[in-house]
Amino acid sequence: MSEHTAIPLSTLSKIEHDRLTLTYDKLQHLAQRLNMRVSELFAEPEPGAAPQAVTARRSIGTLDKALRVKTDNYDYFYLCTELRRKRMIPIVTRVRAKTTAEFGDLVRHPGEEYIHVLEGRVQVHSEFYDPVVLSEGEGIYIDSQMGHAYIVDTGCEEALLLGVCSSAEEDLMESLITMHEQEGSV
């Protein structure tokens, strides 16, 4: 930009950070170099550059309408499944695995996730951190591509979690369900 406008980079930086203003002559020079009118330098963004329109999507999530996927370690209840191409996937999960040996290999999938303990206590195991125990009312946010496992903590038979997975992947829910179906049965 500096080469194109013949304005030093340091000057452009000061202008960008509101530490320097240009005189009208300099604004005219800048507009000429950019093949623009001076008024265009101050114009509002084009309508095409406006934020995405409100979609007004909503869905009520209930366990009786959830898609259930049962695996050896978990019962997954996928909520709000009628909405396609969601960026967030809400899941209620009943955790049954009691040891890492029983759980098997750590799980990994695209995106990030947050889990919140609704009932019981869980141990969160991951490939880069020491295990941590979460009790009712506590949660954790993780990079889902990092190997991870949730197991029931000592003294608990089961735990109930509310989780939300997110990813730039448009078909995240379908990918997760397919992965879980391969671990167990629907």
N, C-alpha and C. Protein backbone atom coordinates (compact mmCIF):
# COMPACT_ATOMS: atom_id res chain seq x y z
N MET A 1 0.83 -1.19 0.00
CA MET A 1 0.00 0.00 0.00
C MET A 1 0.87 1.25 0.00
N SER A 2 1.94 1.19 0.78
CA SER A 2 2.84 2.34 0.87
C SER A 2 3.44 2.65 -0.50
N GLU A 3 3.88 1.63 -1.21
CA GLU A 3 4.46 1.84 -2.54
C GLU A 3 3.41 2.38 -3.51
N HIS A 4 2.21 1.85 -3.43
CA HIS A 4 1.14 2.24 -4.35
C HIS A 4 0.68 3.68 -4.13
N THR A 5 0.67 4.13 -2.88
CA THR A 5 0.17 5.48 -2.58
C THR A 5 1.27 6.51 -2.45
N ALA A 6 2.52 6.07 -2.39
CA ALA A 6 3.68 6.96 -2.19
C ALA A 6 3.61 7.67 -0.84
N ILE A 7 2.98 7.00 0.12
CA ILE A 7 2.94 7.51 1.50
C ILE A 7 3.73 6.52 2.34
N PRO A 8 4.69 6.99 3.13
CA PRO A 8 5.51 6.08 3.94
C PRO A 8 4.67 5.16 4.83
N LEU A 9 5.14 3.95 5.01
CA LEU A 9 4.45 2.96 5.83
C LEU A 9 4.21 3.47 7.24
N SER A 10 5.19 4.14 7.82
CA SER A 10 5.02 4.66 9.18
C SER A 10 3.88 5.68 9.24
N THR A 11 3.74 6.49 8.20
CA THR A 11 2.65 7.47 8.14
C THR A 11 1.30 6.77 8.02
N LEU A 12 1.22 5.75 7.16
CA LEU A 12 -0.02 4.98 7.02
C LEU A 12 -0.42 4.34 8.34
N SER A 13 0.55 3.82 9.05
CA SER A 13 0.28 3.19 10.35
C SER A 13 -0.28 4.21 11.34
N LYS A 14 0.30 5.39 11.37
CA LYS A 14 -0.19 6.44 12.28
C LYS A 14 -1.61 6.86 11.91
N ILE A 15 -1.90 6.93 10.63
CA ILE A 15 -3.26 7.27 10.18
C ILE A 15 -4.24 6.19 10.62
N GLU A 16 -3.86 4.94 10.41
CA GLU A 16 -4.71 3.81 10.75
C GLU A 16 -5.04 3.78 12.24
N HIS A 17 -4.09 4.17 13.07
CA HIS A 17 -4.28 4.13 14.53
C HIS A 17 -4.69 5.49 15.11
N ASP A 18 -5.19 6.38 14.26
CA ASP A 18 -5.70 7.70 14.67
C ASP A 18 -4.67 8.55 15.42
N ARG A 19 -3.42 8.42 15.05
CA ARG A 19 -2.38 9.27 15.63
C ARG A 19 -1.95 10.37 14.68
N LEU A 20 -2.53 10.36 13.48
CA LEU A 20 -2.19 11.36 12.47
C LEU A 20 -3.38 11.51 11.53
N THR A 21 -3.65 12.74 11.11
CA THR A 21 -4.70 12.97 10.11
C THR A 21 -4.05 13.57 8.87
N LEU A 22 -4.70 13.33 7.75
CA LEU A 22 -4.18 13.86 6.48
C LEU A 22 -4.86 15.18 6.15
N THR A 23 -4.12 16.07 5.53
CA THR A 23 -4.70 17.32 5.03
C THR A 23 -5.55 16.98 3.81
N TYR A 24 -6.37 17.92 3.40
CA TYR A 24 -7.22 17.71 2.22
C TYR A 24 -6.37 17.42 0.99
N ASP A 25 -5.25 18.12 0.85
CA ASP A 25 -4.36 17.88 -0.30
C ASP A 25 -3.86 16.43 -0.30
N LYS A 26 -3.48 15.94 0.88
CA LYS A 26 -2.97 14.56 0.99
C LYS A 26 -4.10 13.56 0.72
N LEU A 27 -5.32 13.88 1.18
CA LEU A 27 -6.46 13.00 0.90
C LEU A 27 -6.74 12.93 -0.60
N GLN A 28 -6.65 14.07 -1.28
CA GLN A 28 -6.83 14.08 -2.74
C GLN A 28 -5.76 13.24 -3.42
N HIS A 29 -4.54 13.39 -2.97
CA HIS A 29 -3.42 12.62 -3.53
C HIS A 29 -3.66 11.12 -3.32
N LEU A 30 -4.07 10.74 -2.11
CA LEU A 30 -4.34 9.34 -1.79
C LEU A 30 -5.46 8.80 -2.67
N ALA A 31 -6.54 9.54 -2.80
CA ALA A 31 -7.67 9.11 -3.63
C ALA A 31 -7.25 8.93 -5.09
N GLN A 32 -6.44 9.85 -5.61
CA GLN A 32 -5.96 9.73 -7.00
C GLN A 32 -5.14 8.46 -7.17
N ARG A 33 -4.23 8.21 -6.24
CA ARG A 33 -3.35 7.03 -6.33
C ARG A 33 -4.16 5.73 -6.25
N LEU A 34 -5.30 5.78 -5.56
CA LEU A 34 -6.14 4.59 -5.41
C LEU A 34 -7.27 4.53 -6.44
N ASN A 35 -7.27 5.51 -7.36
CA ASN A 35 -8.33 5.60 -8.37
C ASN A 35 -9.72 5.65 -7.74
N MET A 36 -9.85 6.50 -6.74
CA MET A 36 -11.11 6.67 -6.03
C MET A 36 -11.44 8.16 -5.92
N ARG A 37 -12.70 8.44 -5.56
CA ARG A 37 -13.07 9.81 -5.21
C ARG A 37 -12.80 9.98 -3.72
N VAL A 38 -12.52 11.19 -3.29
CA VAL A 38 -12.26 11.46 -1.87
C VAL A 38 -13.45 11.01 -1.02
N SER A 39 -14.66 11.22 -1.52
CA SER A 39 -15.87 10.83 -0.76
C SER A 39 -15.91 9.33 -0.50
N GLU A 40 -15.34 8.53 -1.41
CA GLU A 40 -15.33 7.07 -1.22
C GLU A 40 -14.43 6.65 -0.06
N LEU A 41 -13.46 7.47 0.28
CA LEU A 41 -12.60 7.15 1.43
C LEU A 41 -13.39 7.16 2.73
N PHE A 42 -14.51 7.89 2.75
CA PHE A 42 -15.32 8.02 3.97
C PHE A 42 -16.67 7.33 3.87
N ALA A 43 -16.93 6.65 2.77
CA ALA A 43 -18.23 6.02 2.54
C ALA A 43 -18.44 4.82 3.45
N GLU A 44 -19.71 4.55 3.74
CA GLU A 44 -20.09 3.36 4.49
C GLU A 44 -19.85 2.12 3.62
N PRO A 45 -19.69 0.96 4.23
CA PRO A 45 -19.48 -0.27 3.45
C PRO A 45 -20.66 -0.54 2.51
N GLU A 46 -20.38 -1.22 1.42
CA GLU A 46 -21.40 -1.60 0.45
C GLU A 46 -22.42 -2.51 1.13
N PRO A 47 -23.67 -2.51 0.64
CA PRO A 47 -24.68 -3.39 1.22
C PRO A 47 -24.27 -4.85 1.19
N GLY A 48 -23.52 -5.27 0.18
CA GLY A 48 -23.06 -6.65 0.10
C GLY A 48 -22.09 -7.01 1.21
N ALA A 49 -21.48 -6.01 1.83
CA ALA A 49 -20.52 -6.25 2.90
C ALA A 49 -21.20 -6.24 4.26
N ALA A 50 -22.52 -6.08 4.27
CA ALA A 50 -23.26 -6.04 5.53
C ALA A 50 -23.20 -7.40 6.21
N PRO A 51 -23.39 -7.41 7.53
CA PRO A 51 -23.37 -8.69 8.25
C PRO A 51 -24.46 -9.62 7.72
N GLN A 52 -24.25 -10.90 7.95
CA GLN A 52 -25.19 -11.91 7.50
C GLN A 52 -26.57 -11.66 8.12
N ALA A 53 -27.60 -11.90 7.35
CA ALA A 53 -28.97 -11.69 7.81
C ALA A 53 -29.31 -12.64 8.96
N VAL A 54 -30.22 -12.21 9.80
CA VAL A 54 -30.71 -13.04 10.90
C VAL A 54 -31.49 -14.20 10.31
N THR A 55 -31.18 -15.42 10.74
CA THR A 55 -31.90 -16.58 10.22
C THR A 55 -33.11 -16.92 11.07
N ALA A 56 -33.13 -16.44 12.30
CA ALA A 56 -34.25 -16.67 13.23
C ALA A 56 -34.50 -18.15 13.47
N ARG A 57 -33.43 -18.96 13.39
CA ARG A 57 -33.58 -20.39 13.67
C ARG A 57 -33.71 -20.61 15.16
N ARG A 58 -34.48 -21.60 15.53
CA ARG A 58 -34.55 -22.01 16.92
C ARG A 58 -35.02 -23.44 16.97
N SER A 59 -34.70 -24.09 18.08
CA SER A 59 -35.10 -25.47 18.27
C SER A 59 -35.16 -25.74 19.76
N ILE A 60 -36.20 -26.42 20.19
CA ILE A 60 -36.33 -26.81 21.59
C ILE A 60 -35.72 -28.20 21.72
N GLY A 61 -34.77 -28.36 22.63
CA GLY A 61 -34.11 -29.65 22.81
C GLY A 61 -34.65 -30.38 24.02
N THR A 62 -35.20 -31.57 23.81
CA THR A 62 -35.68 -32.41 24.91
C THR A 62 -35.11 -33.81 24.75
N LEU A 63 -34.89 -34.48 25.86
CA LEU A 63 -34.32 -35.83 25.80
C LEU A 63 -35.23 -36.81 25.07
N ASP A 64 -36.55 -36.65 25.21
CA ASP A 64 -37.46 -37.60 24.55
C ASP A 64 -37.44 -37.45 23.03
N LYS A 65 -37.00 -36.31 22.51
CA LYS A 65 -36.90 -36.11 21.06
C LYS A 65 -35.46 -36.19 20.55
N ALA A 66 -34.53 -36.45 21.45
CA ALA A 66 -33.11 -36.49 21.09
C ALA A 66 -32.79 -37.75 20.29
N LEU A 67 -31.76 -37.65 19.47
CA LEU A 67 -31.23 -38.82 18.77
C LEU A 67 -30.25 -39.49 19.73
N ARG A 68 -30.54 -40.75 20.11
CA ARG A 68 -29.70 -41.45 21.08
C ARG A 68 -28.71 -42.35 20.35
N VAL A 69 -27.45 -42.22 20.76
CA VAL A 69 -26.39 -43.09 20.26
C VAL A 69 -25.73 -43.71 21.49
N LYS A 70 -25.79 -45.05 21.57
CA LYS A 70 -25.23 -45.76 22.72
C LYS A 70 -23.90 -46.39 22.33
N THR A 71 -22.86 -46.12 23.13
CA THR A 71 -21.55 -46.75 22.93
C THR A 71 -21.18 -47.47 24.22
N ASP A 72 -20.05 -48.14 24.22
CA ASP A 72 -19.61 -48.84 25.43
C ASP A 72 -19.37 -47.87 26.59
N ASN A 73 -18.93 -46.65 26.29
CA ASN A 73 -18.56 -45.70 27.33
C ASN A 73 -19.64 -44.68 27.67
N TYR A 74 -20.45 -44.33 26.70
CA TYR A 74 -21.40 -43.22 26.85
C TYR A 74 -22.75 -43.56 26.24
N ASP A 75 -23.78 -42.86 26.72
CA ASP A 75 -25.04 -42.70 25.99
C ASP A 75 -25.07 -41.25 25.57
N TYR A 76 -25.10 -41.00 24.26
CA TYR A 76 -25.17 -39.63 23.74
C TYR A 76 -26.63 -39.32 23.39
N PHE A 77 -27.08 -38.15 23.74
CA PHE A 77 -28.40 -37.67 23.37
C PHE A 77 -28.20 -36.38 22.57
N TYR A 78 -28.25 -36.49 21.25
CA TYR A 78 -28.07 -35.32 20.38
C TYR A 78 -29.37 -34.52 20.36
N LEU A 79 -29.27 -33.25 20.77
CA LEU A 79 -30.43 -32.38 20.86
C LEU A 79 -30.57 -31.53 19.60
N CYS A 80 -31.78 -31.08 19.33
CA CYS A 80 -32.05 -30.14 18.23
C CYS A 80 -31.58 -30.67 16.88
N THR A 81 -31.82 -31.93 16.63
CA THR A 81 -31.29 -32.57 15.41
C THR A 81 -32.01 -32.14 14.14
N GLU A 82 -33.18 -31.50 14.26
CA GLU A 82 -33.87 -31.07 13.04
C GLU A 82 -33.18 -29.88 12.38
N LEU A 83 -32.34 -29.16 13.12
CA LEU A 83 -31.59 -28.05 12.52
C LEU A 83 -30.33 -28.60 11.87
N ARG A 84 -30.19 -28.37 10.61
CA ARG A 84 -29.02 -28.85 9.87
C ARG A 84 -27.98 -27.74 9.78
N ARG A 85 -26.75 -28.14 9.55
CA ARG A 85 -25.62 -27.22 9.35
C ARG A 85 -25.46 -26.25 10.52
N LYS A 86 -25.61 -26.79 11.72
CA LYS A 86 -25.39 -25.99 12.92
C LYS A 86 -23.90 -25.81 13.15
N ARG A 87 -23.53 -24.71 13.79
CA ARG A 87 -22.14 -24.50 14.17
C ARG A 87 -21.87 -25.01 15.57
N MET A 88 -22.93 -25.20 16.35
CA MET A 88 -22.79 -25.76 17.70
C MET A 88 -23.68 -27.00 17.79
N ILE A 89 -23.14 -28.05 18.38
CA ILE A 89 -23.88 -29.29 18.51
C ILE A 89 -24.11 -29.55 20.00
N PRO A 90 -25.37 -29.39 20.49
CA PRO A 90 -25.65 -29.66 21.90
C PRO A 90 -25.87 -31.16 22.13
N ILE A 91 -25.22 -31.69 23.16
CA ILE A 91 -25.29 -33.12 23.45
C ILE A 91 -25.38 -33.32 24.96
N VAL A 92 -26.37 -34.11 25.40
CA VAL A 92 -26.39 -34.57 26.79
C VAL A 92 -25.74 -35.95 26.75
N THR A 93 -24.80 -36.18 27.65
CA THR A 93 -24.04 -37.44 27.64
C THR A 93 -24.08 -38.09 29.01
N ARG A 94 -24.47 -39.38 29.03
CA ARG A 94 -24.40 -40.16 30.26
C ARG A 94 -23.10 -40.96 30.18
N VAL A 95 -22.22 -40.73 31.15
CA VAL A 95 -20.89 -41.37 31.18
C VAL A 95 -20.97 -42.62 32.05
N ARG A 96 -20.49 -43.76 31.50
CA ARG A 96 -20.48 -45.02 32.25
C ARG A 96 -19.09 -45.58 32.48
N ALA A 97 -18.13 -45.29 31.61
CA ALA A 97 -16.78 -45.85 31.73
C ALA A 97 -16.17 -45.43 33.06
N LYS A 98 -15.54 -46.40 33.76
CA LYS A 98 -15.00 -46.13 35.10
C LYS A 98 -13.47 -46.07 35.15
N THR A 99 -12.81 -46.56 34.10
CA THR A 99 -11.34 -46.52 34.07
C THR A 99 -10.88 -46.19 32.66
N THR A 100 -9.65 -45.71 32.56
CA THR A 100 -9.10 -45.42 31.23
C THR A 100 -8.89 -46.72 30.45
N ALA A 101 -8.58 -47.81 31.16
CA ALA A 101 -8.42 -49.10 30.49
C ALA A 101 -9.75 -49.54 29.88
N GLU A 102 -10.83 -49.37 30.64
CA GLU A 102 -12.16 -49.71 30.14
C GLU A 102 -12.54 -48.79 28.97
N PHE A 103 -12.15 -47.52 29.05
CA PHE A 103 -12.51 -46.54 28.02
C PHE A 103 -11.84 -46.87 26.69
N GLY A 104 -10.55 -47.22 26.73
CA GLY A 104 -9.81 -47.48 25.50
C GLY A 104 -9.08 -46.24 25.02
N ASP A 105 -8.84 -46.17 23.70
CA ASP A 105 -8.10 -45.05 23.12
C ASP A 105 -8.83 -43.72 23.34
N LEU A 106 -8.04 -42.68 23.53
CA LEU A 106 -8.60 -41.34 23.65
C LEU A 106 -9.32 -40.97 22.35
N VAL A 107 -10.38 -40.18 22.47
CA VAL A 107 -11.18 -39.75 21.32
C VAL A 107 -10.67 -38.41 20.82
N ARG A 108 -10.73 -38.19 19.53
CA ARG A 108 -10.42 -36.87 18.95
C ARG A 108 -11.31 -36.66 17.74
N HIS A 109 -11.71 -35.42 17.56
CA HIS A 109 -12.55 -35.04 16.42
C HIS A 109 -12.35 -33.56 16.14
N PRO A 110 -12.78 -33.07 14.98
CA PRO A 110 -12.57 -31.65 14.65
C PRO A 110 -13.27 -30.72 15.63
N GLY A 111 -12.71 -29.54 15.81
CA GLY A 111 -13.38 -28.47 16.55
C GLY A 111 -12.97 -28.33 18.00
N GLU A 112 -13.89 -27.75 18.75
CA GLU A 112 -13.70 -27.50 20.18
C GLU A 112 -14.96 -27.95 20.89
N GLU A 113 -14.84 -28.15 22.21
CA GLU A 113 -16.04 -28.52 22.96
C GLU A 113 -15.98 -27.99 24.38
N TYR A 114 -17.15 -27.84 24.93
CA TYR A 114 -17.31 -27.45 26.33
C TYR A 114 -18.23 -28.48 26.95
N ILE A 115 -17.87 -28.99 28.12
CA ILE A 115 -18.78 -29.87 28.85
C ILE A 115 -19.01 -29.28 30.23
N HIS A 116 -20.22 -29.51 30.73
CA HIS A 116 -20.63 -29.02 32.04
C HIS A 116 -21.26 -30.20 32.78
N VAL A 117 -20.79 -30.48 34.00
CA VAL A 117 -21.28 -31.62 34.76
C VAL A 117 -22.62 -31.27 35.40
N LEU A 118 -23.65 -32.06 35.04
CA LEU A 118 -24.99 -31.87 35.60
C LEU A 118 -25.21 -32.75 36.83
N GLU A 119 -24.69 -33.98 36.78
CA GLU A 119 -24.83 -34.93 37.89
C GLU A 119 -23.54 -35.73 38.00
N GLY A 120 -23.15 -36.05 39.24
CA GLY A 120 -21.98 -36.88 39.47
C GLY A 120 -20.67 -36.12 39.36
N ARG A 121 -19.59 -36.90 39.15
CA ARG A 121 -18.25 -36.34 38.97
C ARG A 121 -17.57 -37.10 37.84
N VAL A 122 -16.76 -36.39 37.06
CA VAL A 122 -16.01 -37.04 35.98
C VAL A 122 -14.54 -36.68 36.06
N GLN A 123 -13.73 -37.62 35.61
CA GLN A 123 -12.31 -37.36 35.40
C GLN A 123 -12.15 -37.04 33.92
N VAL A 124 -11.45 -35.94 33.64
CA VAL A 124 -11.18 -35.56 32.26
C VAL A 124 -9.73 -35.91 31.98
N HIS A 125 -9.52 -36.84 31.06
CA HIS A 125 -8.18 -37.26 30.66
C HIS A 125 -7.91 -36.68 29.27
N SER A 126 -6.70 -36.18 29.07
CA SER A 126 -6.33 -35.65 27.76
C SER A 126 -4.87 -35.96 27.49
N GLU A 127 -4.50 -35.88 26.21
CA GLU A 127 -3.14 -36.29 25.85
C GLU A 127 -2.07 -35.31 26.28
N PHE A 128 -2.40 -34.06 26.59
CA PHE A 128 -1.38 -33.07 26.94
C PHE A 128 -1.43 -32.57 28.37
N TYR A 129 -2.48 -32.93 29.12
CA TYR A 129 -2.63 -32.42 30.48
C TYR A 129 -2.85 -33.56 31.46
N ASP A 130 -2.52 -33.31 32.73
CA ASP A 130 -2.83 -34.27 33.78
C ASP A 130 -4.34 -34.35 33.93
N PRO A 131 -4.85 -35.51 34.38
CA PRO A 131 -6.29 -35.63 34.58
C PRO A 131 -6.80 -34.61 35.60
N VAL A 132 -8.04 -34.19 35.41
CA VAL A 132 -8.69 -33.26 36.33
C VAL A 132 -10.08 -33.81 36.64
N VAL A 133 -10.53 -33.62 37.89
CA VAL A 133 -11.85 -34.07 38.31
C VAL A 133 -12.80 -32.87 38.31
N LEU A 134 -13.95 -33.05 37.67
CA LEU A 134 -14.99 -32.02 37.66
C LEU A 134 -16.21 -32.53 38.41
N SER A 135 -16.76 -31.70 39.26
CA SER A 135 -17.97 -32.03 40.03
C SER A 135 -19.16 -31.30 39.45
N GLU A 136 -20.35 -31.59 39.99
CA GLU A 136 -21.57 -30.91 39.54
C GLU A 136 -21.37 -29.40 39.54
N GLY A 137 -21.78 -28.77 38.45
CA GLY A 137 -21.67 -27.33 38.34
C GLY A 137 -20.36 -26.84 37.75
N GLU A 138 -19.43 -27.75 37.48
CA GLU A 138 -18.13 -27.36 36.91
C GLU A 138 -18.07 -27.80 35.45
N GLY A 139 -17.21 -27.12 34.69
CA GLY A 139 -17.08 -27.43 33.27
C GLY A 139 -15.66 -27.25 32.79
N ILE A 140 -15.43 -27.66 31.55
CA ILE A 140 -14.12 -27.52 30.93
C ILE A 140 -14.30 -27.28 29.43
N TYR A 141 -13.43 -26.47 28.88
CA TYR A 141 -13.42 -26.14 27.44
C TYR A 141 -12.13 -26.71 26.89
N ILE A 142 -12.21 -27.50 25.81
CA ILE A 142 -11.00 -28.12 25.26
C ILE A 142 -10.99 -28.06 23.73
N ASP A 143 -9.81 -28.24 23.20
CA ASP A 143 -9.60 -28.45 21.77
C ASP A 143 -9.93 -29.92 21.51
N SER A 144 -10.96 -30.20 20.75
CA SER A 144 -11.43 -31.57 20.54
C SER A 144 -10.47 -32.41 19.70
N GLN A 145 -9.53 -31.78 19.02
CA GLN A 145 -8.55 -32.53 18.23
C GLN A 145 -7.49 -33.15 19.13
N MET A 146 -7.40 -32.66 20.37
CA MET A 146 -6.52 -33.25 21.37
C MET A 146 -7.23 -34.50 21.89
N GLY A 147 -6.52 -35.62 21.96
CA GLY A 147 -7.13 -36.83 22.49
C GLY A 147 -7.72 -36.58 23.86
N HIS A 148 -8.95 -37.08 24.10
CA HIS A 148 -9.60 -36.84 25.39
C HIS A 148 -10.58 -37.96 25.72
N ALA A 149 -10.86 -38.09 27.02
CA ALA A 149 -11.83 -39.07 27.50
C ALA A 149 -12.44 -38.55 28.79
N TYR A 150 -13.72 -38.82 28.96
CA TYR A 150 -14.42 -38.50 30.20
C TYR A 150 -14.79 -39.83 30.85
N ILE A 151 -14.35 -40.02 32.09
CA ILE A 151 -14.71 -41.25 32.81
C ILE A 151 -15.31 -40.87 34.16
N VAL A 152 -16.14 -41.76 34.69
CA VAL A 152 -16.79 -41.53 35.98
C VAL A 152 -15.73 -41.53 37.07
N ASP A 153 -15.82 -40.58 37.99
CA ASP A 153 -14.85 -40.50 39.08
C ASP A 153 -15.17 -41.57 40.13
N THR A 154 -14.18 -41.91 40.92
CA THR A 154 -14.29 -42.90 41.99
C THR A 154 -15.48 -42.56 42.89
N GLY A 155 -16.29 -43.58 43.18
CA GLY A 155 -17.43 -43.39 44.06
C GLY A 155 -18.72 -43.06 43.34
N CYS A 156 -18.66 -42.85 42.04
CA CYS A 156 -19.87 -42.56 41.25
C CYS A 156 -20.14 -43.74 40.31
N GLU A 157 -21.41 -44.02 40.10
CA GLU A 157 -21.78 -45.06 39.14
C GLU A 157 -21.88 -44.50 37.72
N GLU A 158 -22.43 -43.30 37.61
CA GLU A 158 -22.60 -42.63 36.32
C GLU A 158 -22.46 -41.13 36.54
N ALA A 159 -22.30 -40.42 35.44
CA ALA A 159 -22.30 -38.95 35.48
C ALA A 159 -23.09 -38.46 34.28
N LEU A 160 -23.70 -37.30 34.42
CA LEU A 160 -24.47 -36.71 33.34
C LEU A 160 -23.85 -35.37 32.97
N LEU A 161 -23.56 -35.19 31.69
CA LEU A 161 -22.91 -33.98 31.19
C LEU A 161 -23.78 -33.29 30.15
N LEU A 162 -23.66 -31.98 30.09
CA LEU A 162 -24.18 -31.22 28.95
C LEU A 162 -22.96 -30.74 28.20
N GLY A 163 -22.88 -31.08 26.94
CA GLY A 163 -21.74 -30.68 26.13
C GLY A 163 -22.18 -29.91 24.90
N VAL A 164 -21.28 -29.06 24.42
CA VAL A 164 -21.51 -28.35 23.17
C VAL A 164 -20.23 -28.47 22.36
N CYS A 165 -20.34 -29.04 21.17
CA CYS A 165 -19.21 -29.16 20.25
C CYS A 165 -19.40 -28.13 19.14
N SER A 166 -18.29 -27.55 18.70
CA SER A 166 -18.37 -26.60 17.59
C SER A 166 -17.19 -26.82 16.66
N SER A 167 -17.41 -26.44 15.41
CA SER A 167 -16.36 -26.61 14.41
C SER A 167 -16.73 -25.81 13.17
N ALA A 168 -15.73 -25.47 12.38
CA ALA A 168 -15.99 -24.83 11.09
C ALA A 168 -16.56 -25.84 10.10
N GLU A 169 -16.41 -27.13 10.42
CA GLU A 169 -16.92 -28.20 9.57
C GLU A 169 -18.45 -28.13 9.54
N GLU A 170 -19.03 -28.01 8.34
CA GLU A 170 -20.48 -27.84 8.22
C GLU A 170 -21.27 -29.05 8.67
N ASP A 171 -20.73 -30.23 8.52
CA ASP A 171 -21.46 -31.44 8.85
C ASP A 171 -20.92 -32.08 10.13
N LEU A 172 -20.60 -31.27 11.12
CA LEU A 172 -20.02 -31.78 12.36
C LEU A 172 -20.93 -32.80 13.02
N MET A 173 -22.22 -32.50 13.14
CA MET A 173 -23.12 -33.42 13.82
C MET A 173 -23.12 -34.78 13.14
N GLU A 174 -23.21 -34.80 11.82
CA GLU A 174 -23.21 -36.07 11.10
C GLU A 174 -21.89 -36.81 11.30
N SER A 175 -20.78 -36.08 11.32
CA SER A 175 -19.46 -36.70 11.54
C SER A 175 -19.38 -37.32 12.93
N LEU A 176 -19.86 -36.59 13.94
CA LEU A 176 -19.83 -37.10 15.31
C LEU A 176 -20.72 -38.33 15.46
N ILE A 177 -21.92 -38.27 14.90
CA ILE A 177 -22.84 -39.41 15.01
C ILE A 177 -22.23 -40.63 14.32
N THR A 178 -21.66 -40.45 13.14
CA THR A 178 -21.02 -41.56 12.43
C THR A 178 -19.89 -42.15 13.27
N MET A 179 -19.06 -41.28 13.86
CA MET A 179 -17.96 -41.75 14.70
C MET A 179 -18.50 -42.55 15.89
N HIS A 180 -19.56 -42.05 16.52
CA HIS A 180 -20.12 -42.73 17.69
C HIS A 180 -20.84 -44.02 17.30
N GLU A 181 -21.48 -44.04 16.14
CA GLU A 181 -22.12 -45.26 15.68
C GLU A 181 -21.09 -46.36 15.46
N GLN A 182 -19.90 -45.99 15.00
CA GLN A 182 -18.85 -46.98 14.79
C GLN A 182 -18.34 -47.54 16.12
N GLU A 183 -18.48 -46.74 17.20
CA GLU A 183 -18.08 -47.20 18.54
C GLU A 183 -19.15 -48.08 19.17
N GLY A 184 -20.41 -47.89 18.81
CA GLY A 184 -21.50 -48.61 19.47
C GLY A 184 -22.66 -48.82 18.52
N SER A 185 -23.87 -48.54 19.02
CA SER A 185 -25.06 -48.72 18.20
C SER A 185 -26.05 -47.61 18.49
N VAL A 186 -26.92 -47.33 17.50
CA VAL A 186 -27.94 -46.28 17.67
C VAL A 186 -29.11 -46.86 18.43
